[in-house]
Every structure is written in C-alpha cells, then in structure tokens.
Amino acid sequence: MDGLTFGSCRKALLCGQQKINRHEPGSEFEPKALHPQPGSMDICFLTDTPLDEFIEILNEHSIEIIA
C-alpha cells in the first residue's frame, strides 16, 4: 500500500488498482458519504467493468451500496 497526495493536498492510499480517499475537514469531495467524518475514508474502485455489472457483483456478495 502506498500513500498519495494529489489535487490541493488531498490524501489517499493506493493498493493495486484501488484507491482509499481520506476526507479532510472542510475539504470533502464528491461523491462522499452523507455525513463524512474528519479522517474518515472512502474506497474508489478503478475498473473497466461497466457500472451495472459491477453493481451486480457487489449484490452477489451482499455488499450494500449506500448513497
């Protein structure tokens, strides 16, 4: 896993083709959780798989999408 700084001092962790974005107070970015907390993170999946197929894969594994 590698650390990454991008944009205007945004932080993330890279693990293969996945990125975990860190939320900074007052600098949250879209899309984000309904109530992001300082220091919390979200996962960004980098894929060539069409969105509807990716959603189906998540559903098959009982992974809930919270929007």
N, C-alpha and C. Protein backbone atom coordinates (compact mmCIF):
# COMPACT_ATOMS: atom_id res chain seq x y z
N MET A 1 0.85 -1.16 0.00
CA MET A 1 0.00 0.00 0.00
C MET A 1 0.90 1.23 0.00
N ASP A 2 0.55 2.21 -0.82
CA ASP A 2 1.34 3.43 -0.94
C ASP A 2 0.49 4.64 -0.63
N GLY A 3 1.11 5.67 -0.04
CA GLY A 3 0.44 6.93 0.20
C GLY A 3 0.50 7.79 -1.05
N LEU A 4 -0.49 8.66 -1.22
CA LEU A 4 -0.57 9.54 -2.38
C LEU A 4 -1.11 10.89 -1.94
N THR A 5 -0.48 11.95 -2.40
CA THR A 5 -1.02 13.30 -2.23
C THR A 5 -1.35 13.80 -3.62
N PHE A 6 -2.57 14.33 -3.81
CA PHE A 6 -2.99 14.80 -5.13
C PHE A 6 -3.89 16.00 -4.99
N GLY A 7 -4.16 16.69 -6.11
CA GLY A 7 -5.03 17.86 -6.08
C GLY A 7 -4.49 18.89 -5.11
N SER A 8 -5.38 19.54 -4.39
CA SER A 8 -4.98 20.56 -3.42
C SER A 8 -4.75 19.92 -2.06
N CYS A 9 -3.67 19.13 -1.95
CA CYS A 9 -3.25 18.47 -0.70
C CYS A 9 -4.20 17.37 -0.26
N ARG A 10 -4.92 16.74 -1.19
CA ARG A 10 -5.78 15.61 -0.83
C ARG A 10 -4.90 14.39 -0.61
N LYS A 11 -5.32 13.51 0.28
CA LYS A 11 -4.55 12.31 0.64
C LYS A 11 -5.34 11.06 0.29
N ALA A 12 -4.61 10.02 -0.09
CA ALA A 12 -5.23 8.73 -0.39
C ALA A 12 -4.20 7.63 -0.17
N LEU A 13 -4.70 6.41 -0.08
CA LEU A 13 -3.86 5.21 -0.04
C LEU A 13 -4.14 4.42 -1.31
N LEU A 14 -3.09 3.95 -1.97
CA LEU A 14 -3.24 3.14 -3.17
C LEU A 14 -2.88 1.70 -2.85
N CYS A 15 -3.73 0.79 -3.31
CA CYS A 15 -3.48 -0.64 -3.13
C CYS A 15 -3.86 -1.31 -4.44
N GLY A 16 -2.88 -1.61 -5.28
CA GLY A 16 -3.18 -2.15 -6.60
C GLY A 16 -3.92 -1.11 -7.42
N GLN A 17 -5.09 -1.49 -7.94
CA GLN A 17 -5.90 -0.57 -8.74
C GLN A 17 -7.00 0.11 -7.92
N GLN A 18 -6.95 -0.03 -6.60
CA GLN A 18 -7.95 0.59 -5.73
C GLN A 18 -7.34 1.79 -5.02
N LYS A 19 -8.19 2.76 -4.71
CA LYS A 19 -7.74 3.96 -4.02
C LYS A 19 -8.67 4.22 -2.85
N ILE A 20 -8.11 4.50 -1.68
CA ILE A 20 -8.89 4.85 -0.50
C ILE A 20 -8.65 6.34 -0.26
N ASN A 21 -9.71 7.15 -0.44
CA ASN A 21 -9.61 8.60 -0.29
C ASN A 21 -9.84 9.00 1.16
N ARG A 22 -9.02 9.91 1.66
CA ARG A 22 -9.16 10.41 3.03
C ARG A 22 -9.86 11.76 2.99
N HIS A 23 -10.87 11.93 3.84
CA HIS A 23 -11.60 13.19 3.91
C HIS A 23 -10.94 14.12 4.93
N GLU A 24 -10.66 15.34 4.50
CA GLU A 24 -10.12 16.37 5.38
C GLU A 24 -11.26 17.30 5.78
N PRO A 25 -11.31 17.74 7.03
CA PRO A 25 -12.38 18.65 7.47
C PRO A 25 -12.48 19.88 6.56
N GLY A 26 -13.69 20.12 6.04
CA GLY A 26 -13.94 21.28 5.19
C GLY A 26 -13.47 21.10 3.76
N SER A 27 -12.87 19.97 3.44
CA SER A 27 -12.36 19.73 2.08
C SER A 27 -12.90 18.42 1.52
N GLU A 28 -14.09 18.01 1.93
CA GLU A 28 -14.66 16.77 1.44
C GLU A 28 -14.93 16.92 -0.06
N PHE A 29 -14.93 15.83 -0.78
CA PHE A 29 -15.13 15.88 -2.22
C PHE A 29 -16.21 14.88 -2.61
N GLU A 30 -16.76 15.06 -3.79
CA GLU A 30 -17.85 14.23 -4.29
C GLU A 30 -17.30 13.08 -5.12
N PRO A 31 -17.96 11.94 -5.10
CA PRO A 31 -19.05 11.62 -4.18
C PRO A 31 -18.51 11.33 -2.79
N LYS A 32 -19.36 11.51 -1.80
CA LYS A 32 -18.95 11.29 -0.41
C LYS A 32 -20.12 10.70 0.37
N ALA A 33 -19.82 10.25 1.57
CA ALA A 33 -20.86 9.74 2.47
C ALA A 33 -21.80 10.88 2.86
N LEU A 34 -22.97 10.52 3.34
CA LEU A 34 -23.96 11.52 3.74
C LEU A 34 -23.40 12.44 4.81
N HIS A 35 -22.69 11.88 5.79
CA HIS A 35 -22.09 12.66 6.88
C HIS A 35 -20.63 12.26 7.05
N PRO A 36 -19.73 12.68 6.15
CA PRO A 36 -18.32 12.29 6.28
C PRO A 36 -17.71 12.86 7.55
N GLN A 37 -16.90 12.07 8.21
CA GLN A 37 -16.25 12.49 9.44
C GLN A 37 -14.78 12.80 9.17
N PRO A 38 -14.20 13.79 9.87
CA PRO A 38 -12.78 14.10 9.67
C PRO A 38 -11.92 12.85 9.83
N GLY A 39 -11.03 12.64 8.87
CA GLY A 39 -10.15 11.48 8.92
C GLY A 39 -10.77 10.21 8.40
N SER A 40 -12.07 10.24 8.05
CA SER A 40 -12.70 9.04 7.51
C SER A 40 -12.24 8.83 6.07
N MET A 41 -12.55 7.67 5.52
CA MET A 41 -12.10 7.34 4.17
C MET A 41 -13.22 6.69 3.39
N ASP A 42 -13.11 6.77 2.06
CA ASP A 42 -13.99 6.01 1.20
C ASP A 42 -13.14 5.26 0.19
N ILE A 43 -13.72 4.25 -0.40
CA ILE A 43 -12.99 3.41 -1.35
C ILE A 43 -13.40 3.78 -2.77
N CYS A 44 -12.41 3.94 -3.63
CA CYS A 44 -12.64 4.24 -5.04
C CYS A 44 -12.15 3.05 -5.85
N PHE A 45 -13.06 2.34 -6.52
CA PHE A 45 -12.68 1.20 -7.34
C PHE A 45 -12.38 1.69 -8.76
N LEU A 46 -11.17 1.40 -9.24
CA LEU A 46 -10.79 1.75 -10.61
C LEU A 46 -10.95 0.50 -11.46
N THR A 47 -11.90 0.53 -12.41
CA THR A 47 -12.22 -0.67 -13.18
C THR A 47 -12.71 -0.30 -14.58
N ASP A 48 -12.52 -1.21 -15.50
CA ASP A 48 -13.08 -1.07 -16.84
C ASP A 48 -14.43 -1.77 -16.95
N THR A 49 -14.86 -2.42 -15.87
CA THR A 49 -16.14 -3.13 -15.85
C THR A 49 -17.28 -2.12 -15.88
N PRO A 50 -18.29 -2.31 -16.74
CA PRO A 50 -19.44 -1.40 -16.76
C PRO A 50 -20.11 -1.33 -15.38
N LEU A 51 -20.62 -0.16 -15.04
CA LEU A 51 -21.19 0.07 -13.71
C LEU A 51 -22.27 -0.94 -13.35
N ASP A 52 -23.19 -1.24 -14.28
CA ASP A 52 -24.27 -2.17 -13.94
C ASP A 52 -23.73 -3.57 -13.62
N GLU A 53 -22.67 -4.00 -14.29
CA GLU A 53 -22.05 -5.29 -13.98
C GLU A 53 -21.36 -5.26 -12.62
N PHE A 54 -20.71 -4.14 -12.32
CA PHE A 54 -20.02 -4.00 -11.04
C PHE A 54 -21.02 -4.02 -9.89
N ILE A 55 -22.14 -3.34 -10.06
CA ILE A 55 -23.20 -3.34 -9.05
C ILE A 55 -23.73 -4.76 -8.84
N GLU A 56 -23.89 -5.50 -9.93
CA GLU A 56 -24.36 -6.89 -9.83
C GLU A 56 -23.37 -7.74 -9.02
N ILE A 57 -22.08 -7.56 -9.25
CA ILE A 57 -21.06 -8.30 -8.49
C ILE A 57 -21.17 -7.98 -7.00
N LEU A 58 -21.31 -6.70 -6.67
CA LEU A 58 -21.46 -6.31 -5.26
C LEU A 58 -22.71 -6.95 -4.65
N ASN A 59 -23.82 -6.91 -5.39
CA ASN A 59 -25.07 -7.50 -4.90
C ASN A 59 -24.92 -9.00 -4.67
N GLU A 60 -24.20 -9.70 -5.57
CA GLU A 60 -23.99 -11.14 -5.42
C GLU A 60 -23.23 -11.48 -4.14
N HIS A 61 -22.45 -10.53 -3.64
CA HIS A 61 -21.68 -10.73 -2.42
C HIS A 61 -22.31 -10.03 -1.21
N SER A 62 -23.58 -9.63 -1.36
CA SER A 62 -24.34 -8.98 -0.29
C SER A 62 -23.65 -7.72 0.23
N ILE A 63 -23.01 -6.98 -0.68
CA ILE A 63 -22.37 -5.72 -0.31
C ILE A 63 -23.34 -4.60 -0.63
N GLU A 64 -23.77 -3.89 0.41
CA GLU A 64 -24.77 -2.84 0.27
C GLU A 64 -24.13 -1.55 -0.24
N ILE A 65 -24.77 -0.94 -1.22
CA ILE A 65 -24.34 0.37 -1.70
C ILE A 65 -25.17 1.41 -0.96
N ILE A 66 -24.50 2.30 -0.26
CA ILE A 66 -25.19 3.35 0.49
C ILE A 66 -24.96 4.66 -0.26
N ALA A 67 -26.04 5.26 -0.72
CA ALA A 67 -25.90 6.50 -1.50
C ALA A 67 -26.66 7.63 -0.84
